[in-house]
Every structure is written in C-alpha cells, then in structure tokens.
Amino acid sequence: MSFLQKRIKQLTEFFNSVIEKPLLTSTIVLVCVAIIVIGLSLPYYISDFDTFIQQVLAEAHGMIFDIAVIGILIFWLNQNGETRQRIRTYKDEIDDFRLWESEEAAFRTVGNIKRLNRHKIHEINLVNCYLPRTNLNYVHLGGSNLNSANVSQSTLIEADLENARLNQTNFENSNLNQANLKSAYASGANFKDAFLIKAQFENAFLIKANFNNAFLMEANLQNCYVMGADFENASLYKADLRGAKGLTVEQLSKVKTLYLAKFDDDILQQIKTNLPELVGT
C-alpha cells in the first residue's frame, strides 16, 4: 500500500469517527460556518457597524420568533405524536398477551396497565387477560372491561374499578381491601376467599356473584343488585346492605356473621326473627 493510500485510509477513518459523534460533528460545523460568516462580514464590522448591527438585531428577533412559535409548535406536535405512539404500543402489547396464560404475560400486561395509567388512560380492554398473582394496588381501571379476566391471588388494594365490567371475572383469593367497585358490572364474578374489607360496591351489579368465604367487613353494599349472590360462610361484620335489591334471608342464612351489619328495616326484622344468632355474634 502506497503512502497516499495510507493517508486516504487514515483520513477516511478519522472522518467516520467524527460523523459517528453527533455533538462533535455539530461543533465542527458551527466553528467552520462561524469562521466563514465572520470573515465575510468583517468589512461591514469596520466600515458600517451601526447599520450592520441593526440588521443583526432584526434577524435575532426573527430567530426568537421562529424558536418561540415554530420550534415550540413542532416540539409539541412531536411529543404528542410520540405519546400517542407509546399508548398505541402499550395497548397492542396487551392484545398480544391476551389469552396467554403465563407468568410473563401477566407481569408484562400489568406493566402496560401502569404505563397507560401514567398517561391518564384508565379505560382499558382487559377481556380474557391472565393476571394472577400480580400487584395491581392503586391502579385506576375505572370504566375498563375485565370480563372473564383471571385476577386471582392478586392484590388490588385501593384499586379504582368504578363502572368497570367485571362479569365472570375471577378474583378468587385476591386482596381488594378498600377497592372502589361502585356501579361495577360484576354479575357472576368470583370473589371466593377474597379480602374485601371496606370495599365500596355501592350500586354495583352482583347478580349470582360468588362471595363464598369472603371477608366483607365494613364493606359498602348499598343499593347493590345481589339476586342469587352466594354469601356462604362470608363475614359481613359491619357491612352496609341497606337498599340491596334481591337480598333474601335465605342468602344470609349461611354467612359467618352479620354482627353490626346494616339492613333495611323489613329484612332486619326477618333476620332477627330467623337468624338471631348471626346478628348477636
């Protein structure tokens, strides 16, 4: 290899190393352009500085306008576009993992739920999603659709599920203490062995829901639809069932306790007559 070829190769390698560093490349370009512009403008600096500086200041104001209006607008549009794209990606990943019954699918889906929450997205399609043994504490899923999802053995402490669709959803052995399930549609939902202490079910649809062995202490079940709901061996200590629709003494006959629970007057009299041992223990 000749001397010239070696020099060309070295210069090529140097050029490639420079362009691989955007900050260095930008600095070099800035210095080169500044030298050229200042060199060409030097006569005007010397002969007619006052007029020249006025033109420079006018251009500076134009530059400020460009940055303030065009630059910020473009930045805002780009940020919005990137945010929408990220949201679309998170939703697509939830769809990809739907019906995939694996630990990885569960944790990846939960991660996407929390990312969507950070973007103020709460109404999420989680139909048939597999989410057992996951941490969903404090998530906001108001208005979401979790029909037939598996959320068993999970923690949803203070989770917001208001107006959510929970029909046939499996919450068996999950912790929903202080969760908000107001006006939720949870017909046929499985709350067996679940912790529902101070949970808010007001105006929820709980038709044929399974509360077998559930812990409903101080739960708010006012004005709920509970036709056919199974409360066998459930603890309803201090629970509020005033206005519950479809509630019968037969449903309450197998509960663990009704001590200090609240009922409408008519059903309370039936309980005192037929189930005195449950309200006194």
C-alpha atoms as a PDB file:
ATOM      1  CA  MET A   1       0.000   0.000   0.000  1.00  0.00           C
ATOM      2  CA  SER A   2       1.399   3.401  -1.035  1.00  0.00           C
ATOM      3  CA  PHE A   3       1.850   6.387   1.256  1.00  0.00           C
ATOM      4  CA  LEU A   4      -1.061   8.173  -0.436  1.00  0.00           C
ATOM      5  CA  GLN A   5      -3.398   5.241   0.082  1.00  0.00           C
ATOM      6  CA  LYS A   6      -2.440   5.077   3.755  1.00  0.00           C
ATOM      7  CA  ARG A   7      -3.176   8.778   4.200  1.00  0.00           C
ATOM      8  CA  ILE A   8      -6.529   8.412   2.443  1.00  0.00           C
ATOM      9  CA  LYS A   9      -7.416   5.460   4.662  1.00  0.00           C
ATOM     10  CA  GLN A  10      -6.457   7.386   7.816  1.00  0.00           C
ATOM     11  CA  LEU A  11      -8.485  10.414   6.725  1.00  0.00           C
ATOM     12  CA  THR A  12     -11.479   8.176   5.958  1.00  0.00           C
ATOM     13  CA  GLU A  13     -11.283   6.538   9.377  1.00  0.00           C
ATOM     14  CA  PHE A  14     -10.998   9.948  11.041  1.00  0.00           C
ATOM     15  CA  PHE A  15     -13.992  11.252   9.070  1.00  0.00           C
ATOM     16  CA  ASN A  16     -16.081   8.201  10.021  1.00  0.00           C
ATOM     17  CA  SER A  17     -15.165   8.550  13.701  1.00  0.00           C
ATOM     18  CA  VAL A  18     -16.253  12.207  13.625  1.00  0.00           C
ATOM     19  CA  ILE A  19     -19.645  11.655  11.976  1.00  0.00           C
ATOM     20  CA  GLU A  20     -20.392   8.892  14.475  1.00  0.00           C
ATOM     21  CA  LYS A  21     -20.367  11.576  17.205  1.00  0.00           C
ATOM     22  CA  PRO A  22     -23.273  13.996  16.555  1.00  0.00           C
ATOM     23  CA  LEU A  23     -22.182  16.555  19.166  1.00  0.00           C
ATOM     24  CA  LEU A  24     -18.612  16.720  17.828  1.00  0.00           C
ATOM     25  CA  THR A  25     -19.867  16.951  14.236  1.00  0.00           C
ATOM     26  CA  SER A  26     -22.245  19.801  15.127  1.00  0.00           C
ATOM     27  CA  THR A  27     -19.461  21.683  16.935  1.00  0.00           C
ATOM     28  CA  ILE A  28     -17.083  21.367  13.968  1.00  0.00           C
ATOM     29  CA  VAL A  29     -19.775  22.548  11.537  1.00  0.00           C
ATOM     30  CA  LEU A  30     -20.612  25.501  13.819  1.00  0.00           C
ATOM     31  CA  VAL A  31     -16.961  26.583  14.077  1.00  0.00           C
ATOM     32  CA  CYS A  32     -16.428  26.316  10.304  1.00  0.00           C
ATOM     33  CA  VAL A  33     -19.590  28.274   9.458  1.00  0.00           C
ATOM     34  CA  ALA A  34     -18.778  30.929  12.103  1.00  0.00           C
ATOM     35  CA  ILE A  35     -15.293  31.442  10.639  1.00  0.00           C
ATOM     36  CA  ILE A  36     -16.693  31.832   7.109  1.00  0.00           C
ATOM     37  CA  VAL A  37     -19.542  34.177   8.112  1.00  0.00           C
ATOM     38  CA  ILE A  38     -17.416  36.355  10.396  1.00  0.00           C
ATOM     39  CA  GLY A  39     -14.649  36.505   7.783  1.00  0.00           C
ATOM     40  CA  LEU A  40     -17.069  37.672   5.062  1.00  0.00           C
ATOM     41  CA  SER A  41     -18.744  40.148   7.426  1.00  0.00           C
ATOM     42  CA  LEU A  42     -15.530  41.703   8.762  1.00  0.00           C
ATOM     43  CA  PRO A  43     -15.527  44.645   6.282  1.00  0.00           C
ATOM     44  CA  TYR A  44     -19.015  45.611   7.411  1.00  0.00           C
ATOM     45  CA  TYR A  45     -17.928  45.483  11.059  1.00  0.00           C
ATOM     46  CA  ILE A  46     -15.238  48.037  10.266  1.00  0.00           C
ATOM     47  CA  SER A  47     -16.912  50.393   7.762  1.00  0.00           C
ATOM     48  CA  ASP A  48     -20.623  50.487   8.756  1.00  0.00           C
ATOM     49  CA  PHE A  49     -21.001  48.865  12.148  1.00  0.00           C
ATOM     50  CA  ASP A  50     -24.181  50.770  13.232  1.00  0.00           C
ATOM     51  CA  THR A  51     -26.219  49.738  10.190  1.00  0.00           C
ATOM     52  CA  PHE A  52     -24.862  46.221  10.300  1.00  0.00           C
ATOM     53  CA  ILE A  53     -25.733  45.700  13.986  1.00  0.00           C
ATOM     54  CA  GLN A  54     -29.323  46.863  13.332  1.00  0.00           C
ATOM     55  CA  GLN A  55     -29.720  44.169  10.698  1.00  0.00           C
ATOM     56  CA  VAL A  56     -28.201  41.584  13.009  1.00  0.00           C
ATOM     57  CA  LEU A  57     -30.660  42.524  15.776  1.00  0.00           C
ATOM     58  CA  ALA A  58     -33.582  42.351  13.335  1.00  0.00           C
ATOM     59  CA  GLU A  59     -32.511  38.841  12.328  1.00  0.00           C
ATOM     60  CA  ALA A  60     -32.139  37.931  16.002  1.00  0.00           C
ATOM     61  CA  HIS A  61     -35.766  38.926  16.637  1.00  0.00           C
ATOM     62  CA  GLY A  62     -36.833  36.780  13.701  1.00  0.00           C
ATOM     63  CA  MET A  63     -34.863  33.871  15.133  1.00  0.00           C
ATOM     64  CA  ILE A  64     -36.592  34.304  18.520  1.00  0.00           C
ATOM     65  CA  PHE A  65     -39.962  34.274  16.749  1.00  0.00           C
ATOM     66  CA  ASP A  66     -39.029  31.096  14.865  1.00  0.00           C
ATOM     67  CA  ILE A  67     -37.964  29.368  18.081  1.00  0.00           C
ATOM     68  CA  ALA A  68     -40.979  30.572  20.079  1.00  0.00           C
ATOM     69  CA  VAL A  69     -43.648  29.768  17.512  1.00  0.00           C
ATOM     70  CA  ILE A  70     -42.384  27.232  15.010  1.00  0.00           C
ATOM     71  CA  GLY A  71     -39.871  25.432  17.249  1.00  0.00           C
ATOM     72  CA  ILE A  72     -42.189  25.015  20.235  1.00  0.00           C
ATOM     73  CA  LEU A  73     -45.124  24.055  17.998  1.00  0.00           C
ATOM     74  CA  ILE A  74     -43.084  21.390  16.220  1.00  0.00           C
ATOM     75  CA  PHE A  75     -41.749  20.116  19.561  1.00  0.00           C
ATOM     76  CA  TRP A  76     -45.302  19.918  20.953  1.00  0.00           C
ATOM     77  CA  LEU A  77     -46.566  18.077  17.889  1.00  0.00           C
ATOM     78  CA  ASN A  78     -43.643  15.639  18.030  1.00  0.00           C
ATOM     79  CA  GLN A  79     -44.182  14.997  21.729  1.00  0.00           C
ATOM     80  CA  ASN A  80     -47.892  14.386  21.178  1.00  0.00           C
ATOM     81  CA  GLY A  81     -47.147  12.053  18.311  1.00  0.00           C
ATOM     82  CA  GLU A  82     -44.613  10.094  20.343  1.00  0.00           C
ATOM     83  CA  THR A  83     -47.027   9.876  23.304  1.00  0.00           C
ATOM     84  CA  ARG A  84     -49.843   8.571  21.097  1.00  0.00           C
ATOM     85  CA  GLN A  85     -47.468   6.045  19.568  1.00  0.00           C
ATOM     86  CA  ARG A  86     -46.371   4.811  23.008  1.00  0.00           C
ATOM     87  CA  ILE A  87     -50.001   4.473  24.137  1.00  0.00           C
ATOM     88  CA  ARG A  88     -50.791   2.514  20.968  1.00  0.00           C
ATOM     89  CA  THR A  89     -47.780   0.257  21.639  1.00  0.00           C
ATOM     90  CA  TYR A  90     -48.872  -0.455  25.234  1.00  0.00           C
ATOM     91  CA  LYS A  91     -52.391  -1.355  24.077  1.00  0.00           C
ATOM     92  CA  ASP A  92     -51.047  -3.544  21.278  1.00  0.00           C
ATOM     93  CA  GLU A  93     -48.845  -5.435  23.763  1.00  0.00           C
ATOM     94  CA  ILE A  94     -51.880  -6.077  25.989  1.00  0.00           C
ATOM     95  CA  ASP A  95     -53.644  -7.507  22.946  1.00  0.00           C
ATOM     96  CA  ASP A  96     -50.603  -9.641  22.134  1.00  0.00           C
ATOM     97  CA  PHE A  97     -50.578 -11.205  25.620  1.00  0.00           C
ATOM     98  CA  ARG A  98     -54.357 -11.704  25.823  1.00  0.00           C
ATOM     99  CA  LEU A  99     -55.284 -15.378  26.433  1.00  0.00           C
ATOM    100  CA  TRP A 100     -51.607 -16.250  27.005  1.00  0.00           C
ATOM    101  CA  GLU A 101     -51.600 -17.980  30.376  1.00  0.00           C
ATOM    102  CA  SER A 102     -48.072 -17.443  31.626  1.00  0.00           C
ATOM    103  CA  GLU A 103     -46.346 -15.513  34.390  1.00  0.00           C
ATOM    104  CA  GLU A 104     -44.515 -13.390  31.817  1.00  0.00           C
ATOM    105  CA  ALA A 105     -47.770 -12.429  30.115  1.00  0.00           C
ATOM    106  CA  ALA A 106     -49.313 -11.434  33.459  1.00  0.00           C
ATOM    107  CA  PHE A 107     -46.447  -9.198  34.542  1.00  0.00           C
ATOM    108  CA  ARG A 108     -45.994  -7.641  31.087  1.00  0.00           C
ATOM    109  CA  THR A 109     -49.706  -6.807  30.974  1.00  0.00           C
ATOM    110  CA  VAL A 110     -49.610  -5.240  34.445  1.00  0.00           C
ATOM    111  CA  GLY A 111     -46.614  -3.154  33.395  1.00  0.00           C
ATOM    112  CA  ASN A 112     -48.536  -1.858  30.386  1.00  0.00           C
ATOM    113  CA  ILE A 113     -51.572  -1.078  32.564  1.00  0.00           C
ATOM    114  CA  LYS A 114     -49.450   1.064  34.875  1.00  0.00           C
ATOM    115  CA  ARG A 115     -47.779   2.833  31.932  1.00  0.00           C
ATOM    116  CA  LEU A 116     -51.192   3.632  30.458  1.00  0.00           C
ATOM    117  CA  ASN A 117     -52.285   4.975  33.860  1.00  0.00           C
ATOM    118  CA  ARG A 118     -49.282   7.312  33.849  1.00  0.00           C
ATOM    119  CA  HIS A 119     -50.605   8.665  30.534  1.00  0.00           C
ATOM    120  CA  LYS A 120     -54.055   9.184  32.156  1.00  0.00           C
ATOM    121  CA  ILE A 121     -55.539   6.225  30.240  1.00  0.00           C
ATOM    122  CA  HIS A 122     -57.955   4.355  32.515  1.00  0.00           C
ATOM    123  CA  GLU A 123     -60.496   2.662  30.256  1.00  0.00           C
ATOM    124  CA  ILE A 124     -58.520  -0.384  29.120  1.00  0.00           C
ATOM    125  CA  ASN A 125     -59.685  -3.517  27.331  1.00  0.00           C
ATOM    126  CA  LEU A 126     -58.581  -6.442  29.534  1.00  0.00           C
ATOM    127  CA  VAL A 127     -61.134  -9.041  28.444  1.00  0.00           C
ATOM    128  CA  ASN A 128     -59.797 -12.577  28.995  1.00  0.00           C
ATOM    129  CA  CYS A 129     -56.458 -11.279  30.267  1.00  0.00           C
ATOM    130  CA  TYR A 130     -54.388 -13.531  32.537  1.00  0.00           C
ATOM    131  CA  LEU A 131     -53.327 -11.591  35.652  1.00  0.00           C
ATOM    132  CA  PRO A 132     -52.982 -13.977  38.633  1.00  0.00           C
ATOM    133  CA  ARG A 133     -50.513 -13.227  41.447  1.00  0.00           C
ATOM    134  CA  THR A 134     -49.866  -9.672  40.260  1.00  0.00           C
ATOM    135  CA  ASN A 135     -49.610  -6.332  42.058  1.00  0.00           C
ATOM    136  CA  LEU A 136     -52.404  -4.012  40.959  1.00  0.00           C
ATOM    137  CA  ASN A 137     -52.522  -1.855  44.077  1.00  0.00           C
ATOM    138  CA  TYR A 138     -53.853   1.664  43.431  1.00  0.00           C
ATOM    139  CA  VAL A 139     -54.334   1.136  39.688  1.00  0.00           C
ATOM    140  CA  HIS A 140     -57.048   3.184  38.014  1.00  0.00           C
ATOM    141  CA  LEU A 141     -59.254   0.973  35.845  1.00  0.00           C
ATOM    142  CA  GLY A 142     -62.495   2.912  36.078  1.00  0.00           C
ATOM    143  CA  GLY A 143     -64.701   2.036  33.101  1.00  0.00           C
ATOM    144  CA  SER A 144     -62.362  -0.744  31.948  1.00  0.00           C
ATOM    145  CA  ASN A 145     -63.553  -4.075  30.597  1.00  0.00           C
ATOM    146  CA  LEU A 146     -62.225  -7.057  32.573  1.00  0.00           C
ATOM    147  CA  ASN A 147     -64.940  -9.529  31.614  1.00  0.00           C
ATOM    148  CA  SER A 148     -63.745 -13.128  32.099  1.00  0.00           C
ATOM    149  CA  ALA A 149     -60.268 -11.974  33.165  1.00  0.00           C
ATOM    150  CA  ASN A 150     -58.314 -14.060  35.686  1.00  0.00           C
ATOM    151  CA  VAL A 151     -57.147 -11.797  38.531  1.00  0.00           C
ATOM    152  CA  SER A 152     -56.969 -14.471  41.216  1.00  0.00           C
ATOM    153  CA  GLN A 153     -54.471 -14.325  44.109  1.00  0.00           C
ATOM    154  CA  SER A 154     -53.624 -10.737  43.225  1.00  0.00           C
ATOM    155  CA  THR A 155     -53.514  -7.540  45.275  1.00  0.00           C
ATOM    156  CA  LEU A 156     -55.788  -4.652  44.287  1.00  0.00           C
ATOM    157  CA  ILE A 157     -55.697  -2.572  47.457  1.00  0.00           C
ATOM    158  CA  GLU A 158     -57.481   0.764  46.853  1.00  0.00           C
ATOM    159  CA  ALA A 159     -57.761  -0.055  43.155  1.00  0.00           C
ATOM    160  CA  ASP A 160     -60.311   2.017  41.253  1.00  0.00           C
ATOM    161  CA  LEU A 161     -62.742  -0.243  39.390  1.00  0.00           C
ATOM    162  CA  GLU A 162     -65.701   2.116  39.350  1.00  0.00           C
ATOM    163  CA  ASN A 163     -68.094   1.409  36.468  1.00  0.00           C
ATOM    164  CA  ALA A 164     -65.798  -1.401  35.310  1.00  0.00           C
ATOM    165  CA  ARG A 165     -67.111  -4.503  33.587  1.00  0.00           C
ATOM    166  CA  LEU A 166     -66.241  -7.489  35.766  1.00  0.00           C
ATOM    167  CA  ASN A 167     -68.740 -10.084  34.562  1.00  0.00           C
ATOM    168  CA  GLN A 168     -67.398 -13.613  35.164  1.00  0.00           C
ATOM    169  CA  THR A 169     -64.096 -12.122  36.363  1.00  0.00           C
ATOM    170  CA  ASN A 170     -62.099 -14.319  38.736  1.00  0.00           C
ATOM    171  CA  PHE A 171     -60.923 -12.518  41.904  1.00  0.00           C
ATOM    172  CA  GLU A 172     -60.601 -15.673  43.991  1.00  0.00           C
ATOM    173  CA  ASN A 173     -58.286 -15.254  46.996  1.00  0.00           C
ATOM    174  CA  SER A 174     -57.383 -11.705  45.940  1.00  0.00           C
ATOM    175  CA  ASN A 175     -56.975  -8.677  48.201  1.00  0.00           C
ATOM    176  CA  LEU A 176     -59.365  -5.869  47.261  1.00  0.00           C
ATOM    177  CA  ASN A 177     -59.372  -4.066  50.593  1.00  0.00           C
ATOM    178  CA  GLN A 178     -60.748  -0.517  50.202  1.00  0.00           C
ATOM    179  CA  ALA A 179     -61.136  -1.012  46.461  1.00  0.00           C
ATOM    180  CA  ASN A 180     -63.667   1.146  44.631  1.00  0.00           C
ATOM    181  CA  LEU A 181     -66.170  -1.037  42.765  1.00  0.00           C
ATOM    182  CA  LYS A 182     -69.057   1.426  42.715  1.00  0.00           C
ATOM    183  CA  SER A 183     -71.542   0.797  39.910  1.00  0.00           C
ATOM    184  CA  ALA A 184     -69.385  -2.077  38.617  1.00  0.00           C
ATOM    185  CA  TYR A 185     -70.988  -4.784  36.481  1.00  0.00           C
ATOM    186  CA  ALA A 186     -69.840  -7.929  38.268  1.00  0.00           C
ATOM    187  CA  SER A 187     -72.526 -10.484  37.549  1.00  0.00           C
ATOM    188  CA  GLY A 188     -71.175 -13.987  38.012  1.00  0.00           C
ATOM    189  CA  ALA A 189     -67.854 -12.655  39.339  1.00  0.00           C
ATOM    190  CA  ASN A 190     -65.892 -14.945  41.640  1.00  0.00           C
ATOM    191  CA  PHE A 191     -64.889 -13.303  44.952  1.00  0.00           C
ATOM    192  CA  LYS A 192     -64.402 -16.590  46.783  1.00  0.00           C
ATOM    193  CA  ASP A 193     -61.920 -16.266  49.706  1.00  0.00           C
ATOM    194  CA  ALA A 194     -61.277 -12.647  48.677  1.00  0.00           C
ATOM    195  CA  PHE A 195     -60.461  -9.854  51.109  1.00  0.00           C
ATOM    196  CA  LEU A 196     -62.973  -7.058  50.546  1.00  0.00           C
ATOM    197  CA  ILE A 197     -62.625  -5.135  53.792  1.00  0.00           C
ATOM    198  CA  LYS A 198     -64.096  -1.619  53.399  1.00  0.00           C
ATOM    199  CA  ALA A 199     -64.607  -2.244  49.678  1.00  0.00           C
ATOM    200  CA  GLN A 200     -67.111   0.089  48.011  1.00  0.00           C
ATOM    201  CA  PHE A 201     -69.762  -1.791  45.997  1.00  0.00           C
ATOM    202  CA  GLU A 202     -72.464   0.862  46.063  1.00  0.00           C
ATOM    203  CA  ASN A 203     -74.921   0.470  43.137  1.00  0.00           C
ATOM    204  CA  ALA A 204     -72.914  -2.458  41.727  1.00  0.00           C
ATOM    205  CA  PHE A 205     -74.484  -5.370  39.822  1.00  0.00           C
ATOM    206  CA  LEU A 206     -73.526  -8.503  41.773  1.00  0.00           C
ATOM    207  CA  ILE A 207     -76.102 -10.910  40.386  1.00  0.00           C
ATOM    208  CA  LYS A 208     -75.025 -14.508  41.064  1.00  0.00           C
ATOM    209  CA  ALA A 209     -71.623 -13.306  42.290  1.00  0.00           C
ATOM    210  CA  ASN A 210     -69.716 -15.769  44.477  1.00  0.00           C
ATOM    211  CA  PHE A 211     -68.730 -14.360  47.904  1.00  0.00           C
ATOM    212  CA  ASN A 212     -68.140 -17.770  49.455  1.00  0.00           C
ATOM    213  CA  ASN A 213     -65.846 -17.365  52.482  1.00  0.00           C
ATOM    214  CA  ALA A 214     -65.148 -13.724  51.523  1.00  0.00           C
ATOM    215  CA  PHE A 215     -64.167 -11.083  54.074  1.00  0.00           C
ATOM    216  CA  LEU A 216     -66.667  -8.234  53.632  1.00  0.00           C
ATOM    217  CA  MET A 217     -66.124  -6.466  56.940  1.00  0.00           C
ATOM    218  CA  GLU A 218     -67.324  -2.838  56.744  1.00  0.00           C
ATOM    219  CA  ALA A 219     -67.957  -3.238  53.014  1.00  0.00           C
ATOM    220  CA  ASN A 220     -70.462  -0.865  51.429  1.00  0.00           C
ATOM    221  CA  LEU A 221     -73.092  -2.844  49.509  1.00  0.00           C
ATOM    222  CA  GLN A 222     -75.788  -0.175  49.483  1.00  0.00           C
ATOM    223  CA  ASN A 223     -78.275  -0.350  46.612  1.00  0.00           C
ATOM    224  CA  CYS A 224     -76.471  -3.301  45.020  1.00  0.00           C
ATOM    225  CA  TYR A 225     -78.200  -5.906  42.896  1.00  0.00           C
ATOM    226  CA  VAL A 226     -77.472  -9.182  44.707  1.00  0.00           C
ATOM    227  CA  MET A 227     -80.057 -11.581  43.284  1.00  0.00           C
ATOM    228  CA  GLY A 228     -78.671 -15.092  43.521  1.00  0.00           C
ATOM    229  CA  ALA A 229     -75.378 -13.980  45.084  1.00  0.00           C
ATOM    230  CA  ASP A 230     -73.677 -16.616  47.253  1.00  0.00           C
ATOM    231  CA  PHE A 231     -72.674 -15.345  50.730  1.00  0.00           C
ATOM    232  CA  GLU A 232     -71.996 -18.746  52.270  1.00  0.00           C
ATOM    233  CA  ASN A 233     -69.502 -18.509  55.153  1.00  0.00           C
ATOM    234  CA  ALA A 234     -68.821 -14.836  54.307  1.00  0.00           C
ATOM    235  CA  SER A 235     -68.044 -12.353  57.072  1.00  0.00           C
ATOM    236  CA  LEU A 236     -70.398  -9.365  56.869  1.00  0.00           C
ATOM    237  CA  TYR A 237     -69.343  -7.695  60.110  1.00  0.00           C
ATOM    238  CA  LYS A 238     -70.425  -4.029  59.953  1.00  0.00           C
ATOM    239  CA  ALA A 239     -71.262  -4.388  56.267  1.00  0.00           C
ATOM    240  CA  ASP A 240     -73.850  -1.965  54.899  1.00  0.00           C
ATOM    241  CA  LEU A 241     -76.548  -3.715  52.843  1.00  0.00           C
ATOM    242  CA  ARG A 242     -79.236  -1.049  53.023  1.00  0.00           C
ATOM    243  CA  GLY A 243     -81.173  -0.805  49.803  1.00  0.00           C
ATOM    244  CA  ALA A 244     -79.675  -4.064  48.466  1.00  0.00           C
ATOM    245  CA  LYS A 245     -82.002  -5.382  45.781  1.00  0.00           C
ATOM    246  CA  GLY A 246     -82.925  -9.056  45.653  1.00  0.00           C
ATOM    247  CA  LEU A 247     -81.425  -9.816  49.073  1.00  0.00           C
ATOM    248  CA  THR A 248     -83.160 -12.635  50.961  1.00  0.00           C
ATOM    249  CA  VAL A 249     -82.884 -14.186  54.392  1.00  0.00           C
ATOM    250  CA  GLU A 250     -82.057 -17.492  52.707  1.00  0.00           C
ATOM    251  CA  GLN A 251     -78.935 -15.956  51.163  1.00  0.00           C
ATOM    252  CA  LEU A 252     -77.815 -14.770  54.590  1.00  0.00           C
ATOM    253  CA  SER A 253     -78.602 -17.970  56.465  1.00  0.00           C
ATOM    254  CA  LYS A 254     -75.148 -19.477  55.852  1.00  0.00           C
ATOM    255  CA  VAL A 255     -72.978 -16.415  56.445  1.00  0.00           C
ATOM    256  CA  LYS A 256     -70.303 -16.428  59.140  1.00  0.00           C
ATOM    257  CA  THR A 257     -71.561 -13.303  60.920  1.00  0.00           C
ATOM    258  CA  LEU A 258     -73.901 -10.344  60.467  1.00  0.00           C
ATOM    259  CA  TYR A 259     -72.829  -8.612  63.654  1.00  0.00           C
ATOM    260  CA  LEU A 260     -73.429  -4.833  63.440  1.00  0.00           C
ATOM    261  CA  ALA A 261     -74.338  -5.153  59.746  1.00  0.00           C
ATOM    262  CA  LYS A 262     -76.868  -2.625  58.426  1.00  0.00           C
ATOM    263  CA  PHE A 263     -80.081  -3.632  56.635  1.00  0.00           C
ATOM    264  CA  ASP A 264     -83.402  -2.156  55.641  1.00  0.00           C
ATOM    265  CA  ASP A 265     -85.974  -2.448  58.426  1.00  0.00           C
ATOM    266  CA  ASP A 266     -88.077  -5.144  56.793  1.00  0.00           C
ATOM    267  CA  ILE A 267     -85.240  -7.602  56.188  1.00  0.00           C
ATOM    268  CA  LEU A 268     -83.633  -6.743  59.535  1.00  0.00           C
ATOM    269  CA  GLN A 269     -86.787  -7.900  61.305  1.00  0.00           C
ATOM    270  CA  GLN A 270     -86.710 -11.162  59.346  1.00  0.00           C
ATOM    271  CA  ILE A 271     -83.063 -11.691  60.286  1.00  0.00           C
ATOM    272  CA  LYS A 272     -83.745 -11.048  63.973  1.00  0.00           C
ATOM    273  CA  THR A 273     -86.618 -13.496  63.856  1.00  0.00           C
ATOM    274  CA  ASN A 274     -84.986 -16.253  61.820  1.00  0.00           C
ATOM    275  CA  LEU A 275     -81.235 -15.728  62.329  1.00  0.00           C
ATOM    276  CA  PRO A 276     -80.776 -14.143  65.761  1.00  0.00           C
ATOM    277  CA  GLU A 277     -77.504 -15.986  66.351  1.00  0.00           C
ATOM    278  CA  LEU A 278     -75.846 -14.191  63.397  1.00  0.00           C
ATOM    279  CA  VAL A 279     -76.664 -10.631  64.430  1.00  0.00           C
ATOM    280  CA  GLY A 280     -75.676 -11.210  68.037  1.00  0.00           C
ATOM    281  CA  THR A 281     -72.209 -12.705  67.434  1.00  0.00           C
END
